[in-house]
């Protein structure tokens, strides 16, 4: 399928509403603010702004995202406003069908569910917020290297996280070529 998206297929906005992976912590762990973003306005709208590595940001999953919608859509930060994943861009250019986008989103949601299940099995005392946040809760490389039983227990989580990262890179961030940059430029969400 080449060219523009057929008129009888849902809009790009409908694709975003059916997805939300950029808001729920599946694709990114945080969103950095830019100087034009009003921290006071965003805080008044309920976003908990923090400082990370000397930059202001908010962590994902976003507290303003729920049931497929952004509750602060009109006041959302610049990076949220400008971000367009590779899947959306391919869909808008007619390079992928609606059915294919939904299958891709469903596949990522299935991977995330497997990560959640395995993570909860191995570390039931830990609060699971998102697949990417779970990376920060993995045992250290040293602990894993020194304990085969610990390594076996965490292996399914690490395997599914790897699958998620590869899938996200290929479908949402844009494949990286051997020369470096993604095939399709994106505005990084965090």
Protein backbone atom coordinates (compact mmCIF):
# COMPACT_ATOMS: atom_id res chain seq x y z
CA UNK A 1 0.00 0.00 0.00
CA UNK A 2 1.64 3.24 -1.12
CA UNK A 3 0.57 6.84 -1.24
CA UNK A 4 -1.92 8.57 1.01
CA UNK A 5 -4.19 6.75 3.40
CA UNK A 6 -7.60 5.90 1.91
CA UNK A 7 -10.40 8.24 3.03
CA UNK A 8 -12.52 5.39 4.38
CA UNK A 9 -9.90 4.42 6.99
CA UNK A 10 -9.80 6.07 10.45
CA UNK A 11 -7.70 9.21 10.98
CA UNK A 12 -4.26 9.40 12.51
CA UNK A 13 -5.87 10.83 15.64
CA UNK A 14 -8.00 7.68 15.86
CA UNK A 15 -4.80 5.64 15.68
CA UNK A 16 -3.35 7.59 18.62
CA UNK A 17 -6.55 7.12 20.61
CA UNK A 18 -6.43 3.37 19.95
CA UNK A 19 -2.81 3.17 21.08
CA UNK A 20 -1.46 5.42 23.85
CA UNK A 21 1.81 3.49 24.10
CA UNK A 22 3.79 6.74 24.14
CA UNK A 23 1.83 7.86 27.23
CA UNK A 24 1.60 4.67 29.28
CA UNK A 25 5.30 3.98 29.83
CA UNK A 26 5.60 1.27 27.19
CA UNK A 27 7.77 3.29 24.79
CA UNK A 28 9.34 5.90 27.10
CA UNK A 29 10.08 6.30 30.80
CA UNK A 30 9.70 10.08 30.93
CA UNK A 31 9.05 13.20 28.89
CA UNK A 32 11.45 16.12 29.12
CA UNK A 33 9.98 19.59 29.11
CA UNK A 34 11.24 22.35 26.83
CA UNK A 35 11.73 25.99 27.87
CA UNK A 36 8.38 27.01 26.34
CA UNK A 37 6.46 24.58 28.58
CA UNK A 38 4.84 26.28 31.57
CA UNK A 39 5.77 24.20 34.62
CA UNK A 40 3.21 26.08 36.72
CA UNK A 41 0.42 25.40 34.24
CA UNK A 42 1.37 21.73 33.89
CA UNK A 43 1.55 21.29 37.67
CA UNK A 44 -1.84 23.01 38.02
CA UNK A 45 -3.19 20.45 35.52
CA UNK A 46 -1.92 17.60 37.73
CA UNK A 47 1.41 16.64 36.14
CA UNK A 48 4.04 15.95 38.80
CA UNK A 49 7.06 17.73 37.32
CA UNK A 50 10.42 16.50 38.61
CA UNK A 51 14.05 17.25 37.88
CA UNK A 52 16.08 14.44 36.34
CA UNK A 53 19.67 14.86 35.19
CA UNK A 54 19.29 18.63 35.53
CA UNK A 55 16.22 18.76 33.28
CA UNK A 56 12.56 19.13 34.13
CA UNK A 57 10.36 16.24 33.10
CA UNK A 58 7.51 14.03 34.17
CA UNK A 59 7.59 10.28 34.48
CA UNK A 60 5.50 7.83 32.53
CA UNK A 61 2.95 6.38 32.69
CA UNK A 62 1.42 9.83 32.48
CA UNK A 63 -1.14 10.61 35.18
CA UNK A 64 -3.13 12.63 32.61
CA UNK A 65 -3.59 9.64 30.30
CA UNK A 66 -6.51 7.32 30.87
CA UNK A 67 -8.94 5.27 28.82
CA UNK A 68 -7.14 6.22 25.62
CA UNK A 69 -7.40 9.97 26.18
CA UNK A 70 -5.28 12.81 27.51
CA UNK A 71 -7.12 14.81 30.17
CA UNK A 72 -4.87 17.84 29.55
CA UNK A 73 -4.80 17.58 25.75
CA UNK A 74 -5.15 21.36 25.14
CA UNK A 75 -2.36 22.08 27.64
CA UNK A 76 -0.10 19.08 26.98
CA UNK A 77 3.68 19.65 26.92
CA UNK A 78 5.45 20.52 23.68
CA UNK A 79 7.11 17.11 23.25
CA UNK A 80 3.72 15.41 23.61
CA UNK A 81 2.22 17.84 21.12
CA UNK A 82 5.00 17.27 18.55
CA UNK A 83 5.64 13.55 18.95
CA UNK A 84 4.61 11.37 16.03
CA UNK A 85 5.73 7.77 16.17
CA UNK A 86 6.96 5.92 13.11
CA UNK A 87 3.82 3.76 13.07
CA UNK A 88 1.61 6.86 12.84
CA UNK A 89 3.76 8.41 10.11
CA UNK A 90 3.70 5.19 8.07
CA UNK A 91 -0.08 4.97 8.48
CA UNK A 92 -0.65 8.57 7.44
CA UNK A 93 1.51 8.03 4.34
CA UNK A 94 -0.53 4.96 3.41
CA UNK A 95 2.38 2.57 3.90
CA UNK A 96 0.49 0.47 6.46
CA UNK A 97 -3.19 -0.37 6.87
CA UNK A 98 -5.41 0.30 9.88
CA UNK A 99 -5.63 -3.45 10.52
CA UNK A 100 -1.83 -3.70 10.49
CA UNK A 101 -1.48 -0.82 12.98
CA UNK A 102 -3.98 -2.45 15.32
CA UNK A 103 -2.20 -5.80 15.07
CA UNK A 104 1.12 -4.09 15.88
CA UNK A 105 -0.38 -2.31 18.91
CA UNK A 106 -2.01 -5.55 20.06
CA UNK A 107 1.31 -7.39 19.74
CA UNK A 108 3.07 -4.77 21.89
CA UNK A 109 0.29 -4.91 24.49
CA UNK A 110 0.65 -8.70 24.58
CA UNK A 111 4.41 -8.40 25.13
CA UNK A 112 3.81 -5.85 27.90
CA UNK A 113 1.31 -8.23 29.55
CA UNK A 114 3.89 -11.03 29.49
CA UNK A 115 6.44 -8.72 31.11
CA UNK A 116 3.90 -7.76 33.79
CA UNK A 117 3.02 -11.41 34.47
CA UNK A 118 6.64 -12.57 34.69
CA UNK A 119 7.70 -9.54 36.73
CA UNK A 120 4.87 -10.09 39.22
CA UNK A 121 5.79 -13.78 39.46
CA UNK A 122 9.43 -13.01 40.27
CA UNK A 123 8.99 -9.86 42.37
CA UNK A 124 5.43 -9.76 43.76
CA UNK A 125 6.46 -7.21 46.38
CA UNK A 126 7.50 -4.65 43.72
CA UNK A 127 4.95 -2.23 42.27
CA UNK A 128 4.82 -2.67 38.50
CA UNK A 129 3.99 0.63 36.75
CA UNK A 130 5.25 -0.01 33.24
CA UNK A 131 7.44 -2.37 31.27
CA UNK A 132 10.24 0.16 30.82
CA UNK A 133 10.15 1.14 34.50
CA UNK A 134 10.59 -2.56 35.31
CA UNK A 135 14.06 -2.38 33.73
CA UNK A 136 15.19 -0.22 36.63
CA UNK A 137 14.04 -2.88 39.09
CA UNK A 138 16.04 -5.74 37.59
CA UNK A 139 18.84 -7.21 39.69
CA UNK A 140 22.28 -5.86 38.85
CA UNK A 141 24.46 -7.61 36.28
CA UNK A 142 26.80 -8.63 39.10
CA UNK A 143 23.98 -10.19 41.12
CA UNK A 144 22.70 -12.04 38.06
CA UNK A 145 26.18 -13.26 37.10
CA UNK A 146 26.84 -14.57 40.59
CA UNK A 147 23.55 -16.39 41.13
CA UNK A 148 22.35 -18.88 38.50
CA UNK A 149 19.02 -19.36 40.29
CA UNK A 150 18.37 -15.60 40.28
CA UNK A 151 19.37 -15.46 36.60
CA UNK A 152 16.92 -18.27 35.74
CA UNK A 153 14.13 -16.58 37.68
CA UNK A 154 14.60 -13.23 35.91
CA UNK A 155 15.39 -14.64 32.44
CA UNK A 156 11.77 -14.50 31.14
CA UNK A 157 11.40 -10.86 32.24
CA UNK A 158 14.65 -9.89 30.56
CA UNK A 159 13.78 -11.83 27.40
CA UNK A 160 10.36 -10.16 27.04
CA UNK A 161 11.89 -6.74 27.80
CA UNK A 162 14.36 -7.34 24.98
CA UNK A 163 11.51 -8.30 22.63
CA UNK A 164 9.63 -5.14 23.66
CA UNK A 165 12.65 -2.89 23.07
CA UNK A 166 13.33 -4.44 19.65
CA UNK A 167 9.66 -4.16 18.64
CA UNK A 168 9.40 -0.57 19.87
CA UNK A 169 12.55 0.37 17.96
CA UNK A 170 11.34 -1.22 14.75
CA UNK A 171 7.68 -0.19 14.83
CA UNK A 172 7.44 3.04 16.82
CA UNK A 173 10.85 4.72 16.94
CA UNK A 174 11.93 3.83 13.41
CA UNK A 175 14.57 1.26 12.50
CA UNK A 176 18.15 2.34 12.93
CA UNK A 177 20.36 1.80 9.95
CA UNK A 178 24.01 0.68 10.28
CA UNK A 179 24.98 4.30 9.56
CA UNK A 180 23.17 5.41 12.72
CA UNK A 181 20.08 7.60 12.55
CA UNK A 182 16.56 6.21 12.36
CA UNK A 183 15.14 5.82 8.88
CA UNK A 184 12.36 8.19 9.90
CA UNK A 185 13.17 11.18 12.08
CA UNK A 186 11.20 11.50 15.31
CA UNK A 187 10.83 13.97 18.12
CA UNK A 188 12.09 12.05 21.15
CA UNK A 189 9.54 11.79 23.92
CA UNK A 190 12.01 11.03 26.64
